[in-house]
Amino acid sequence: MGYQSFEDLEVWKRSCRLAVRIYRELKDCRDFGLKDQMTRSAVSISSNIAEGAERGSKQEYIRFIHIAKGSAAELRTQLYIANEIGVLDKTITAEIISELKQISAMLQSIANTLNKRINT
């Protein structure tokens, strides 16, 4: 894919920064169940990118990219809920959702590229 390690991938870097932001935004959150779910979803995105990249096969990488996309969708859902119950304000929610949509698009692009390489 033209990189030496998953740490070189912009999508991995952005998803790590996003996870850190989720932790910071929720540091004072007393809804521990939602906080736990959101931080797990956020961490799962970059973790699955890394795990897939290190698996050694394109098929496995694609599988983990799709898992990362699923975690991004899960986090988006949790953000909508957090906003509705007043845990996060509308501006912060919109910023993070926008970033998640961009990350999801980047992940889909990686999956598409890998699929093309498998099928050629």
N, C-alpha and C. Protein backbone atom coordinates (compact mmCIF):
# COMPACT_ATOMS: atom_id res chain seq x y z
N MET A 1 0.81 -1.20 0.00
CA MET A 1 0.00 0.00 0.00
C MET A 1 0.85 1.26 0.00
N GLY A 2 2.16 1.13 -0.09
CA GLY A 2 3.00 2.32 -0.15
C GLY A 2 3.32 2.92 1.20
N TYR A 3 3.29 2.12 2.25
CA TYR A 3 3.65 2.60 3.58
C TYR A 3 4.45 1.52 4.29
N GLN A 4 5.21 1.93 5.28
CA GLN A 4 6.03 0.98 6.02
C GLN A 4 5.30 0.37 7.21
N SER A 5 4.40 1.16 7.82
CA SER A 5 3.71 0.72 9.02
C SER A 5 2.38 1.44 9.15
N PHE A 6 1.49 0.87 9.92
CA PHE A 6 0.19 1.51 10.13
C PHE A 6 0.34 2.91 10.73
N GLU A 7 1.43 3.14 11.46
CA GLU A 7 1.66 4.46 12.05
C GLU A 7 1.84 5.55 10.99
N ASP A 8 2.13 5.15 9.76
CA ASP A 8 2.28 6.11 8.65
C ASP A 8 0.94 6.53 8.06
N LEU A 9 -0.12 5.78 8.34
CA LEU A 9 -1.42 6.04 7.74
C LEU A 9 -2.09 7.25 8.40
N GLU A 10 -2.51 8.19 7.57
CA GLU A 10 -3.21 9.38 8.07
C GLU A 10 -4.50 9.01 8.79
N VAL A 11 -5.22 8.02 8.29
CA VAL A 11 -6.47 7.61 8.92
C VAL A 11 -6.22 7.06 10.33
N TRP A 12 -5.12 6.36 10.52
CA TRP A 12 -4.78 5.86 11.85
C TRP A 12 -4.45 7.02 12.78
N LYS A 13 -3.65 7.98 12.29
CA LYS A 13 -3.30 9.16 13.10
C LYS A 13 -4.55 9.94 13.50
N ARG A 14 -5.43 10.16 12.54
CA ARG A 14 -6.65 10.93 12.82
C ARG A 14 -7.56 10.19 13.80
N SER A 15 -7.66 8.88 13.65
CA SER A 15 -8.52 8.13 14.57
C SER A 15 -7.92 8.09 15.98
N CYS A 16 -6.60 8.08 16.10
CA CYS A 16 -5.98 8.18 17.43
C CYS A 16 -6.28 9.54 18.06
N ARG A 17 -6.13 10.60 17.28
CA ARG A 17 -6.44 11.95 17.80
C ARG A 17 -7.90 12.04 18.21
N LEU A 18 -8.78 11.42 17.43
CA LEU A 18 -10.19 11.42 17.76
C LEU A 18 -10.45 10.71 19.09
N ALA A 19 -9.81 9.58 19.31
CA ALA A 19 -9.97 8.84 20.57
C ALA A 19 -9.54 9.70 21.75
N VAL A 20 -8.41 10.40 21.60
CA VAL A 20 -7.93 11.29 22.66
C VAL A 20 -8.96 12.39 22.92
N ARG A 21 -9.52 12.93 21.84
CA ARG A 21 -10.53 13.99 22.02
C ARG A 21 -11.75 13.47 22.77
N ILE A 22 -12.19 12.27 22.43
CA ILE A 22 -13.34 11.69 23.14
C ILE A 22 -13.03 11.57 24.63
N TYR A 23 -11.87 11.07 24.97
CA TYR A 23 -11.49 10.97 26.38
C TYR A 23 -11.52 12.35 27.04
N ARG A 24 -10.97 13.35 26.37
CA ARG A 24 -10.94 14.71 26.95
C ARG A 24 -12.33 15.31 27.10
N GLU A 25 -13.16 15.13 26.07
CA GLU A 25 -14.51 15.70 26.13
C GLU A 25 -15.36 15.04 27.21
N LEU A 26 -15.07 13.79 27.51
CA LEU A 26 -15.89 13.05 28.48
C LEU A 26 -15.25 12.93 29.86
N LYS A 27 -14.14 13.65 30.08
CA LYS A 27 -13.42 13.46 31.35
C LYS A 27 -14.26 13.75 32.59
N ASP A 28 -15.22 14.66 32.47
CA ASP A 28 -16.08 14.99 33.61
C ASP A 28 -17.45 14.33 33.54
N CYS A 29 -17.65 13.47 32.57
CA CYS A 29 -18.94 12.81 32.38
C CYS A 29 -19.18 11.81 33.50
N ARG A 30 -20.36 11.91 34.11
CA ARG A 30 -20.70 11.01 35.21
C ARG A 30 -21.57 9.84 34.76
N ASP A 31 -21.94 9.84 33.50
CA ASP A 31 -22.67 8.70 32.94
C ASP A 31 -21.62 7.68 32.50
N PHE A 32 -21.22 6.87 33.46
CA PHE A 32 -20.08 5.98 33.24
C PHE A 32 -20.34 4.91 32.18
N GLY A 33 -21.58 4.46 32.05
CA GLY A 33 -21.89 3.47 31.03
C GLY A 33 -21.69 4.03 29.64
N LEU A 34 -22.26 5.20 29.37
CA LEU A 34 -22.11 5.83 28.06
C LEU A 34 -20.66 6.22 27.81
N LYS A 35 -20.02 6.77 28.83
CA LYS A 35 -18.61 7.16 28.70
C LYS A 35 -17.76 5.95 28.32
N ASP A 36 -17.98 4.83 28.99
CA ASP A 36 -17.22 3.61 28.71
C ASP A 36 -17.46 3.14 27.28
N GLN A 37 -18.71 3.11 26.86
CA GLN A 37 -19.04 2.68 25.50
C GLN A 37 -18.39 3.58 24.46
N MET A 38 -18.45 4.88 24.68
CA MET A 38 -17.91 5.83 23.71
C MET A 38 -16.39 5.75 23.62
N THR A 39 -15.74 5.63 24.76
CA THR A 39 -14.27 5.54 24.72
C THR A 39 -13.84 4.22 24.09
N ARG A 40 -14.56 3.14 24.36
CA ARG A 40 -14.23 1.85 23.74
C ARG A 40 -14.41 1.91 22.23
N SER A 41 -15.50 2.50 21.79
CA SER A 41 -15.74 2.62 20.34
C SER A 41 -14.64 3.45 19.69
N ALA A 42 -14.28 4.56 20.33
CA ALA A 42 -13.26 5.46 19.78
C ALA A 42 -11.91 4.75 19.67
N VAL A 43 -11.52 4.07 20.72
CA VAL A 43 -10.23 3.35 20.72
C VAL A 43 -10.25 2.21 19.71
N SER A 44 -11.38 1.60 19.52
CA SER A 44 -11.51 0.47 18.62
C SER A 44 -11.19 0.83 17.17
N ILE A 45 -11.46 2.06 16.77
CA ILE A 45 -11.22 2.46 15.37
C ILE A 45 -9.75 2.31 15.02
N SER A 46 -8.90 3.02 15.73
CA SER A 46 -7.46 2.97 15.42
C SER A 46 -6.87 1.59 15.73
N SER A 47 -7.37 0.95 16.76
CA SER A 47 -6.86 -0.38 17.12
C SER A 47 -7.11 -1.40 16.01
N ASN A 48 -8.29 -1.35 15.41
CA ASN A 48 -8.60 -2.29 14.33
C ASN A 48 -7.84 -1.97 13.05
N ILE A 49 -7.59 -0.71 12.79
CA ILE A 49 -6.74 -0.34 11.65
C ILE A 49 -5.36 -0.97 11.84
N ALA A 50 -4.80 -0.80 13.03
CA ALA A 50 -3.47 -1.33 13.32
C ALA A 50 -3.45 -2.85 13.24
N GLU A 51 -4.43 -3.48 13.87
CA GLU A 51 -4.45 -4.94 13.87
C GLU A 51 -4.58 -5.50 12.45
N GLY A 52 -5.46 -4.91 11.67
CA GLY A 52 -5.65 -5.38 10.30
C GLY A 52 -4.39 -5.21 9.46
N ALA A 53 -3.72 -4.09 9.63
CA ALA A 53 -2.51 -3.83 8.86
C ALA A 53 -1.41 -4.83 9.17
N GLU A 54 -1.41 -5.33 10.38
CA GLU A 54 -0.36 -6.26 10.81
C GLU A 54 -0.71 -7.72 10.58
N ARG A 55 -1.88 -8.01 10.09
CA ARG A 55 -2.33 -9.39 9.92
C ARG A 55 -1.62 -10.13 8.79
N GLY A 56 -1.15 -9.42 7.80
CA GLY A 56 -0.37 -10.08 6.75
C GLY A 56 -1.14 -10.53 5.53
N SER A 57 -2.45 -10.31 5.50
CA SER A 57 -3.19 -10.64 4.29
C SER A 57 -4.17 -9.52 3.98
N LYS A 58 -4.40 -9.32 2.70
CA LYS A 58 -5.32 -8.26 2.28
C LYS A 58 -6.74 -8.55 2.77
N GLN A 59 -7.14 -9.80 2.71
CA GLN A 59 -8.50 -10.16 3.16
C GLN A 59 -8.70 -9.83 4.64
N GLU A 60 -7.71 -10.18 5.45
CA GLU A 60 -7.80 -9.89 6.88
C GLU A 60 -7.79 -8.38 7.11
N TYR A 61 -6.97 -7.66 6.37
CA TYR A 61 -6.90 -6.21 6.51
C TYR A 61 -8.26 -5.60 6.19
N ILE A 62 -8.88 -6.05 5.09
CA ILE A 62 -10.20 -5.54 4.72
C ILE A 62 -11.21 -5.82 5.83
N ARG A 63 -11.16 -7.00 6.38
CA ARG A 63 -12.08 -7.37 7.47
C ARG A 63 -11.95 -6.41 8.65
N PHE A 64 -10.72 -6.11 9.04
CA PHE A 64 -10.51 -5.21 10.17
C PHE A 64 -10.82 -3.75 9.83
N ILE A 65 -10.64 -3.37 8.58
CA ILE A 65 -11.05 -2.03 8.14
C ILE A 65 -12.56 -1.89 8.30
N HIS A 66 -13.30 -2.94 7.94
CA HIS A 66 -14.75 -2.90 8.09
C HIS A 66 -15.16 -2.89 9.57
N ILE A 67 -14.43 -3.57 10.40
CA ILE A 67 -14.70 -3.52 11.84
C ILE A 67 -14.45 -2.10 12.35
N ALA A 68 -13.38 -1.46 11.91
CA ALA A 68 -13.09 -0.08 12.30
C ALA A 68 -14.22 0.85 11.85
N LYS A 69 -14.71 0.64 10.62
CA LYS A 69 -15.84 1.43 10.13
C LYS A 69 -17.07 1.22 11.01
N GLY A 70 -17.30 0.00 11.41
CA GLY A 70 -18.43 -0.28 12.30
C GLY A 70 -18.29 0.44 13.63
N SER A 71 -17.08 0.48 14.16
CA SER A 71 -16.84 1.20 15.42
C SER A 71 -17.08 2.69 15.25
N ALA A 72 -16.71 3.22 14.09
CA ALA A 72 -16.95 4.64 13.81
C ALA A 72 -18.45 4.93 13.77
N ALA A 73 -19.22 4.04 13.15
CA ALA A 73 -20.67 4.20 13.10
C ALA A 73 -21.28 4.08 14.50
N GLU A 74 -20.77 3.15 15.27
CA GLU A 74 -21.23 2.98 16.65
C GLU A 74 -20.98 4.26 17.44
N LEU A 75 -19.80 4.83 17.30
CA LEU A 75 -19.47 6.06 18.02
C LEU A 75 -20.35 7.22 17.56
N ARG A 76 -20.63 7.30 16.27
CA ARG A 76 -21.53 8.35 15.78
C ARG A 76 -22.90 8.23 16.44
N THR A 77 -23.40 7.03 16.54
CA THR A 77 -24.69 6.81 17.20
C THR A 77 -24.64 7.26 18.65
N GLN A 78 -23.59 6.90 19.34
CA GLN A 78 -23.44 7.28 20.74
C GLN A 78 -23.31 8.79 20.91
N LEU A 79 -22.69 9.44 19.94
CA LEU A 79 -22.59 10.90 19.97
C LEU A 79 -23.96 11.56 19.86
N TYR A 80 -24.80 11.04 18.97
CA TYR A 80 -26.16 11.58 18.85
C TYR A 80 -26.90 11.44 20.18
N ILE A 81 -26.75 10.30 20.82
CA ILE A 81 -27.40 10.07 22.10
C ILE A 81 -26.84 11.00 23.16
N ALA A 82 -25.50 11.12 23.21
CA ALA A 82 -24.85 11.99 24.20
C ALA A 82 -25.31 13.44 24.04
N ASN A 83 -25.49 13.86 22.80
CA ASN A 83 -25.98 15.21 22.55
C ASN A 83 -27.42 15.37 23.05
N GLU A 84 -28.25 14.40 22.75
CA GLU A 84 -29.67 14.48 23.13
C GLU A 84 -29.87 14.51 24.65
N ILE A 85 -29.02 13.82 25.38
CA ILE A 85 -29.19 13.78 26.84
C ILE A 85 -28.34 14.84 27.55
N GLY A 86 -27.67 15.69 26.78
CA GLY A 86 -26.94 16.81 27.36
C GLY A 86 -25.53 16.52 27.82
N VAL A 87 -24.97 15.40 27.44
CA VAL A 87 -23.60 15.07 27.82
C VAL A 87 -22.61 15.88 26.99
N LEU A 88 -22.91 16.07 25.71
CA LEU A 88 -22.08 16.88 24.82
C LEU A 88 -22.95 17.94 24.14
N ASP A 89 -22.36 19.10 23.91
CA ASP A 89 -23.14 20.13 23.24
C ASP A 89 -23.14 19.93 21.73
N LYS A 90 -24.03 20.65 21.08
CA LYS A 90 -24.29 20.46 19.65
C LYS A 90 -23.05 20.72 18.79
N THR A 91 -22.28 21.75 19.11
CA THR A 91 -21.10 22.10 18.31
C THR A 91 -20.04 21.01 18.38
N ILE A 92 -19.74 20.56 19.57
CA ILE A 92 -18.74 19.50 19.75
C ILE A 92 -19.20 18.22 19.05
N THR A 93 -20.47 17.88 19.23
CA THR A 93 -21.03 16.69 18.59
C THR A 93 -20.88 16.78 17.08
N ALA A 94 -21.24 17.92 16.50
CA ALA A 94 -21.16 18.09 15.04
C ALA A 94 -19.72 17.99 14.55
N GLU A 95 -18.77 18.56 15.27
CA GLU A 95 -17.36 18.50 14.88
C GLU A 95 -16.86 17.05 14.87
N ILE A 96 -17.18 16.32 15.91
CA ILE A 96 -16.69 14.95 16.01
C ILE A 96 -17.37 14.05 14.97
N ILE A 97 -18.66 14.25 14.76
CA ILE A 97 -19.37 13.46 13.74
C ILE A 97 -18.79 13.73 12.35
N SER A 98 -18.49 14.99 12.07
CA SER A 98 -17.87 15.33 10.79
C SER A 98 -16.53 14.60 10.62
N GLU A 99 -15.72 14.59 11.65
CA GLU A 99 -14.44 13.90 11.60
C GLU A 99 -14.66 12.39 11.41
N LEU A 100 -15.62 11.83 12.08
CA LEU A 100 -15.91 10.40 11.94
C LEU A 100 -16.35 10.05 10.53
N LYS A 101 -17.15 10.91 9.92
CA LYS A 101 -17.57 10.66 8.54
C LYS A 101 -16.38 10.69 7.59
N GLN A 102 -15.44 11.59 7.84
CA GLN A 102 -14.23 11.65 7.01
C GLN A 102 -13.37 10.40 7.23
N ILE A 103 -13.23 9.99 8.46
CA ILE A 103 -12.47 8.78 8.77
C ILE A 103 -13.12 7.57 8.11
N SER A 104 -14.43 7.47 8.18
CA SER A 104 -15.15 6.36 7.54
C SER A 104 -14.92 6.34 6.04
N ALA A 105 -14.93 7.51 5.42
CA ALA A 105 -14.67 7.60 3.97
C ALA A 105 -13.25 7.16 3.65
N MET A 106 -12.30 7.53 4.48
CA MET A 106 -10.91 7.10 4.28
C MET A 106 -10.79 5.59 4.42
N LEU A 107 -11.47 5.03 5.39
CA LEU A 107 -11.45 3.58 5.59
C LEU A 107 -12.07 2.86 4.39
N GLN A 108 -13.16 3.39 3.88
CA GLN A 108 -13.79 2.78 2.71
C GLN A 108 -12.86 2.83 1.51
N SER A 109 -12.13 3.92 1.37
CA SER A 109 -11.17 4.05 0.28
C SER A 109 -10.07 2.99 0.38
N ILE A 110 -9.59 2.75 1.59
CA ILE A 110 -8.58 1.70 1.79
C ILE A 110 -9.16 0.34 1.41
N ALA A 111 -10.37 0.06 1.88
CA ALA A 111 -11.02 -1.22 1.56
C ALA A 111 -11.20 -1.38 0.05
N ASN A 112 -11.62 -0.32 -0.62
CA ASN A 112 -11.80 -0.38 -2.07
C ASN A 112 -10.49 -0.66 -2.78
N THR A 113 -9.43 0.01 -2.36
CA THR A 113 -8.11 -0.20 -2.97
C THR A 113 -7.64 -1.63 -2.75
N LEU A 114 -7.80 -2.14 -1.55
CA LEU A 114 -7.39 -3.52 -1.27
C LEU A 114 -8.21 -4.52 -2.08
N ASN A 115 -9.51 -4.28 -2.19
CA ASN A 115 -10.37 -5.16 -2.99
C ASN A 115 -9.93 -5.18 -4.45
N LYS A 116 -9.56 -4.04 -5.00
CA LYS A 116 -9.09 -3.97 -6.39
C LYS A 116 -7.82 -4.79 -6.55
N ARG A 117 -6.93 -4.70 -5.57
CA ARG A 117 -5.67 -5.44 -5.66
C ARG A 117 -5.89 -6.94 -5.56
N ILE A 118 -6.89 -7.35 -4.82
CA ILE A 118 -7.20 -8.78 -4.69
C ILE A 118 -7.78 -9.29 -6.01
N ASN A 119 -8.61 -8.48 -6.64
CA ASN A 119 -9.34 -8.90 -7.83
C ASN A 119 -8.60 -8.66 -9.14
N THR A 120 -7.37 -8.20 -9.09
CA THR A 120 -6.62 -7.98 -10.35
C THR A 120 -5.48 -8.95 -10.47
